[in-house]
Amino acid sequence: MTREHDPDDRRVVYARLTGRGIEIADVVAVAHFANEQRMPAELSESERRRLGRLLGKLERSLETAERTPPDPEALTAAARRDRTRSAQWSVSDC
């Protein structure tokens, strides 16, 4: 990897892969994609399609959650539940 300063703004530094870095990235990518092919090997075609749909749904849900501010009441309720659980554990551990 090399670092190069932007000629117009010395505060900016660009990181670039060297030729060797590109070779390594290519080897890693091939291994990664081969592993992706092996991982669902035990799933049937319909299970793979279902998994794909579920992962897509999860991705959309995560994207929505990132754009949506947390509900203060839900956070308060969750903190209250955590404190209650923590107190229950410490009492039962005695």
N, C-alpha and C. Protein backbone atom coordinates (compact mmCIF):
# COMPACT_ATOMS: atom_id res chain seq x y z
N MET A 1 0.85 -1.16 0.00
CA MET A 1 0.00 0.00 0.00
C MET A 1 0.90 1.23 0.00
N THR A 2 0.47 2.21 -0.76
CA THR A 2 1.21 3.47 -0.78
C THR A 2 0.28 4.59 -0.33
N ARG A 3 0.88 5.65 0.15
CA ARG A 3 0.11 6.84 0.54
C ARG A 3 0.59 8.00 -0.31
N GLU A 4 -0.37 8.76 -0.83
CA GLU A 4 -0.05 9.93 -1.66
C GLU A 4 -0.86 11.12 -1.18
N HIS A 5 -0.19 12.24 -1.01
CA HIS A 5 -0.88 13.47 -0.62
C HIS A 5 -1.55 14.09 -1.83
N ASP A 6 -2.71 14.65 -1.61
CA ASP A 6 -3.43 15.37 -2.65
C ASP A 6 -2.64 16.64 -2.95
N PRO A 7 -2.32 16.90 -4.22
CA PRO A 7 -1.52 18.09 -4.53
C PRO A 7 -2.25 19.40 -4.24
N ASP A 8 -3.59 19.36 -4.23
CA ASP A 8 -4.36 20.59 -4.00
C ASP A 8 -4.71 20.80 -2.53
N ASP A 9 -4.65 19.73 -1.75
CA ASP A 9 -5.01 19.82 -0.33
C ASP A 9 -4.14 18.84 0.45
N ARG A 10 -3.08 19.34 1.05
CA ARG A 10 -2.09 18.48 1.72
C ARG A 10 -2.68 17.74 2.92
N ARG A 11 -3.87 18.13 3.38
CA ARG A 11 -4.50 17.40 4.48
C ARG A 11 -5.05 16.06 4.02
N VAL A 12 -5.30 15.92 2.73
CA VAL A 12 -5.88 14.70 2.17
C VAL A 12 -4.76 13.73 1.78
N VAL A 13 -4.91 12.49 2.22
CA VAL A 13 -3.94 11.45 1.87
C VAL A 13 -4.70 10.30 1.22
N TYR A 14 -4.27 9.89 0.05
CA TYR A 14 -4.88 8.77 -0.66
C TYR A 14 -4.09 7.50 -0.37
N ALA A 15 -4.78 6.44 -0.07
CA ALA A 15 -4.15 5.14 0.11
C ALA A 15 -4.43 4.33 -1.14
N ARG A 16 -3.38 3.79 -1.72
CA ARG A 16 -3.54 3.00 -2.95
C ARG A 16 -2.82 1.66 -2.79
N LEU A 17 -3.43 0.64 -3.38
CA LEU A 17 -2.77 -0.66 -3.37
C LEU A 17 -1.62 -0.66 -4.36
N THR A 18 -0.54 -1.30 -3.99
CA THR A 18 0.57 -1.51 -4.91
C THR A 18 0.20 -2.67 -5.83
N GLY A 19 1.03 -2.96 -6.79
CA GLY A 19 0.81 -4.12 -7.65
C GLY A 19 0.72 -5.40 -6.85
N ARG A 20 1.61 -5.54 -5.87
CA ARG A 20 1.58 -6.72 -5.00
C ARG A 20 0.29 -6.75 -4.17
N GLY A 21 -0.16 -5.60 -3.71
CA GLY A 21 -1.40 -5.54 -2.95
C GLY A 21 -2.59 -5.97 -3.79
N ILE A 22 -2.60 -5.60 -5.06
CA ILE A 22 -3.67 -6.01 -5.96
C ILE A 22 -3.63 -7.52 -6.17
N GLU A 23 -2.43 -8.09 -6.31
CA GLU A 23 -2.29 -9.54 -6.47
C GLU A 23 -2.86 -10.27 -5.25
N ILE A 24 -2.53 -9.78 -4.07
CA ILE A 24 -3.03 -10.41 -2.83
C ILE A 24 -4.54 -10.29 -2.75
N ALA A 25 -5.08 -9.12 -3.08
CA ALA A 25 -6.53 -8.92 -3.04
C ALA A 25 -7.22 -9.88 -4.01
N ASP A 26 -6.63 -10.11 -5.17
CA ASP A 26 -7.21 -11.04 -6.14
C ASP A 26 -7.25 -12.47 -5.59
N VAL A 27 -6.17 -12.90 -4.94
CA VAL A 27 -6.12 -14.24 -4.36
C VAL A 27 -7.17 -14.37 -3.25
N VAL A 28 -7.26 -13.37 -2.40
CA VAL A 28 -8.23 -13.38 -1.31
C VAL A 28 -9.66 -13.41 -1.86
N ALA A 29 -9.92 -12.64 -2.91
CA ALA A 29 -11.26 -12.61 -3.50
C ALA A 29 -11.65 -13.97 -4.06
N VAL A 30 -10.74 -14.64 -4.76
CA VAL A 30 -11.03 -15.97 -5.30
C VAL A 30 -11.35 -16.94 -4.16
N ALA A 31 -10.55 -16.91 -3.09
CA ALA A 31 -10.79 -17.79 -1.94
C ALA A 31 -12.12 -17.47 -1.29
N HIS A 32 -12.44 -16.19 -1.17
CA HIS A 32 -13.69 -15.77 -0.54
C HIS A 32 -14.90 -16.27 -1.34
N PHE A 33 -14.86 -16.07 -2.66
CA PHE A 33 -16.00 -16.49 -3.49
C PHE A 33 -16.14 -18.01 -3.52
N ALA A 34 -15.02 -18.72 -3.48
CA ALA A 34 -15.08 -20.18 -3.41
C ALA A 34 -15.74 -20.62 -2.10
N ASN A 35 -15.39 -19.94 -1.02
CA ASN A 35 -15.98 -20.25 0.29
C ASN A 35 -17.48 -19.95 0.28
N GLU A 36 -17.88 -18.87 -0.36
CA GLU A 36 -19.30 -18.54 -0.46
C GLU A 36 -20.07 -19.63 -1.19
N GLN A 37 -19.44 -20.27 -2.14
CA GLN A 37 -20.09 -21.36 -2.86
C GLN A 37 -20.22 -22.60 -1.98
N ARG A 38 -19.24 -22.86 -1.12
CA ARG A 38 -19.26 -24.04 -0.25
C ARG A 38 -20.24 -23.90 0.92
N MET A 39 -20.40 -22.70 1.44
CA MET A 39 -21.19 -22.50 2.66
C MET A 39 -22.62 -23.03 2.56
N PRO A 40 -23.36 -22.75 1.50
CA PRO A 40 -24.75 -23.23 1.45
C PRO A 40 -24.89 -24.60 0.78
N ALA A 41 -23.81 -25.36 0.68
CA ALA A 41 -23.83 -26.63 -0.06
C ALA A 41 -24.87 -27.61 0.46
N GLU A 42 -25.18 -27.58 1.73
CA GLU A 42 -26.15 -28.51 2.32
C GLU A 42 -27.60 -28.06 2.14
N LEU A 43 -27.80 -26.86 1.60
CA LEU A 43 -29.16 -26.35 1.42
C LEU A 43 -29.70 -26.77 0.06
N SER A 44 -30.99 -27.07 0.03
CA SER A 44 -31.65 -27.35 -1.24
C SER A 44 -31.82 -26.03 -1.99
N GLU A 45 -32.18 -26.13 -3.27
CA GLU A 45 -32.37 -24.92 -4.06
C GLU A 45 -33.46 -24.04 -3.47
N SER A 46 -34.56 -24.65 -3.01
CA SER A 46 -35.64 -23.84 -2.42
C SER A 46 -35.18 -23.20 -1.11
N GLU A 47 -34.37 -23.91 -0.33
CA GLU A 47 -33.84 -23.34 0.92
C GLU A 47 -32.90 -22.17 0.61
N ARG A 48 -32.12 -22.30 -0.45
CA ARG A 48 -31.23 -21.19 -0.85
C ARG A 48 -32.04 -19.97 -1.26
N ARG A 49 -33.10 -20.19 -2.02
CA ARG A 49 -33.94 -19.05 -2.41
C ARG A 49 -34.58 -18.40 -1.18
N ARG A 50 -35.07 -19.23 -0.26
CA ARG A 50 -35.69 -18.69 0.96
C ARG A 50 -34.67 -17.91 1.78
N LEU A 51 -33.47 -18.48 1.93
CA LEU A 51 -32.41 -17.79 2.66
C LEU A 51 -32.10 -16.45 2.00
N GLY A 52 -32.02 -16.43 0.68
CA GLY A 52 -31.77 -15.18 -0.04
C GLY A 52 -32.83 -14.14 0.24
N ARG A 53 -34.11 -14.59 0.21
CA ARG A 53 -35.21 -13.65 0.51
C ARG A 53 -35.11 -13.13 1.94
N LEU A 54 -34.83 -14.04 2.89
CA LEU A 54 -34.73 -13.62 4.29
C LEU A 54 -33.56 -12.67 4.52
N LEU A 55 -32.42 -12.94 3.90
CA LEU A 55 -31.27 -12.06 4.05
C LEU A 55 -31.55 -10.69 3.43
N GLY A 56 -32.27 -10.69 2.31
CA GLY A 56 -32.66 -9.41 1.70
C GLY A 56 -33.57 -8.62 2.62
N LYS A 57 -34.50 -9.32 3.24
CA LYS A 57 -35.42 -8.67 4.18
C LYS A 57 -34.66 -8.12 5.38
N LEU A 58 -33.71 -8.90 5.89
CA LEU A 58 -32.88 -8.43 7.01
C LEU A 58 -32.07 -7.21 6.61
N GLU A 59 -31.50 -7.22 5.41
CA GLU A 59 -30.74 -6.07 4.94
C GLU A 59 -31.61 -4.82 4.88
N ARG A 60 -32.81 -4.94 4.32
CA ARG A 60 -33.71 -3.78 4.25
C ARG A 60 -34.08 -3.29 5.65
N SER A 61 -34.29 -4.23 6.57
CA SER A 61 -34.63 -3.87 7.94
C SER A 61 -33.48 -3.11 8.60
N LEU A 62 -32.27 -3.56 8.39
CA LEU A 62 -31.10 -2.89 8.96
C LEU A 62 -30.94 -1.49 8.37
N GLU A 63 -31.18 -1.36 7.06
CA GLU A 63 -31.09 -0.04 6.43
C GLU A 63 -32.14 0.91 7.00
N THR A 64 -33.34 0.40 7.21
CA THR A 64 -34.40 1.22 7.79
C THR A 64 -34.03 1.63 9.21
N ALA A 65 -33.50 0.68 9.98
CA ALA A 65 -33.12 0.98 11.37
C ALA A 65 -32.04 2.04 11.43
N GLU A 66 -31.11 2.02 10.48
CA GLU A 66 -30.04 3.03 10.46
C GLU A 66 -30.59 4.42 10.18
N ARG A 67 -31.66 4.51 9.39
CA ARG A 67 -32.25 5.81 9.04
C ARG A 67 -33.26 6.30 10.06
N THR A 68 -33.69 5.42 10.97
CA THR A 68 -34.73 5.76 11.91
C THR A 68 -34.14 6.02 13.29
N PRO A 69 -34.40 7.20 13.86
CA PRO A 69 -33.87 7.45 15.20
C PRO A 69 -34.52 6.51 16.22
N PRO A 70 -33.78 6.14 17.24
CA PRO A 70 -34.34 5.24 18.25
C PRO A 70 -35.49 5.91 19.01
N ASP A 71 -36.44 5.09 19.40
CA ASP A 71 -37.59 5.55 20.18
C ASP A 71 -37.16 5.70 21.64
N PRO A 72 -37.18 6.92 22.19
CA PRO A 72 -36.71 7.12 23.58
C PRO A 72 -37.47 6.25 24.58
N GLU A 73 -38.76 6.06 24.39
CA GLU A 73 -39.53 5.22 25.32
C GLU A 73 -39.08 3.77 25.26
N ALA A 74 -38.80 3.27 24.06
CA ALA A 74 -38.33 1.90 23.91
C ALA A 74 -36.96 1.73 24.56
N LEU A 75 -36.09 2.72 24.43
CA LEU A 75 -34.77 2.65 25.07
C LEU A 75 -34.90 2.63 26.58
N THR A 76 -35.80 3.46 27.12
CA THR A 76 -36.02 3.50 28.56
C THR A 76 -36.54 2.15 29.06
N ALA A 77 -37.51 1.59 28.32
CA ALA A 77 -38.07 0.29 28.71
C ALA A 77 -37.01 -0.80 28.65
N ALA A 78 -36.16 -0.78 27.63
CA ALA A 78 -35.10 -1.78 27.50
C ALA A 78 -34.10 -1.64 28.65
N ALA A 79 -33.75 -0.42 29.00
CA ALA A 79 -32.82 -0.20 30.11
C ALA A 79 -33.43 -0.70 31.41
N ARG A 80 -34.72 -0.45 31.59
CA ARG A 80 -35.41 -0.91 32.80
C ARG A 80 -35.40 -2.45 32.87
N ARG A 81 -35.67 -3.11 31.73
CA ARG A 81 -35.64 -4.58 31.69
C ARG A 81 -34.25 -5.10 32.01
N ASP A 82 -33.22 -4.45 31.47
CA ASP A 82 -31.85 -4.88 31.72
C ASP A 82 -31.50 -4.76 33.20
N ARG A 83 -31.92 -3.66 33.84
CA ARG A 83 -31.64 -3.49 35.26
C ARG A 83 -32.35 -4.56 36.09
N THR A 84 -33.59 -4.87 35.68
CA THR A 84 -34.36 -5.88 36.40
C THR A 84 -33.70 -7.24 36.26
N ARG A 85 -33.29 -7.59 35.04
CA ARG A 85 -32.61 -8.88 34.82
C ARG A 85 -31.31 -8.94 35.61
N SER A 86 -30.58 -7.84 35.60
CA SER A 86 -29.30 -7.79 36.32
C SER A 86 -29.52 -8.01 37.81
N ALA A 87 -30.56 -7.39 38.36
CA ALA A 87 -30.86 -7.55 39.78
C ALA A 87 -31.29 -8.98 40.08
N GLN A 88 -32.06 -9.57 39.18
CA GLN A 88 -32.50 -10.96 39.38
C GLN A 88 -31.31 -11.92 39.36
N TRP A 89 -30.37 -11.69 38.45
CA TRP A 89 -29.22 -12.56 38.38
C TRP A 89 -28.37 -12.45 39.64
N SER A 90 -28.16 -11.23 40.11
CA SER A 90 -27.31 -11.06 41.28
C SER A 90 -27.97 -11.67 42.52
N VAL A 91 -29.28 -11.61 42.63
CA VAL A 91 -29.95 -12.21 43.77
C VAL A 91 -29.87 -13.74 43.70
N SER A 92 -30.08 -14.29 42.50
CA SER A 92 -30.04 -15.74 42.38
C SER A 92 -28.63 -16.29 42.48
N ASP A 93 -27.63 -15.47 42.24
CA ASP A 93 -26.24 -15.93 42.34
C ASP A 93 -25.77 -16.05 43.78
N CYS A 94 -26.49 -15.44 44.73
CA CYS A 94 -26.06 -15.42 46.14
C CYS A 94 -26.18 -16.77 46.80
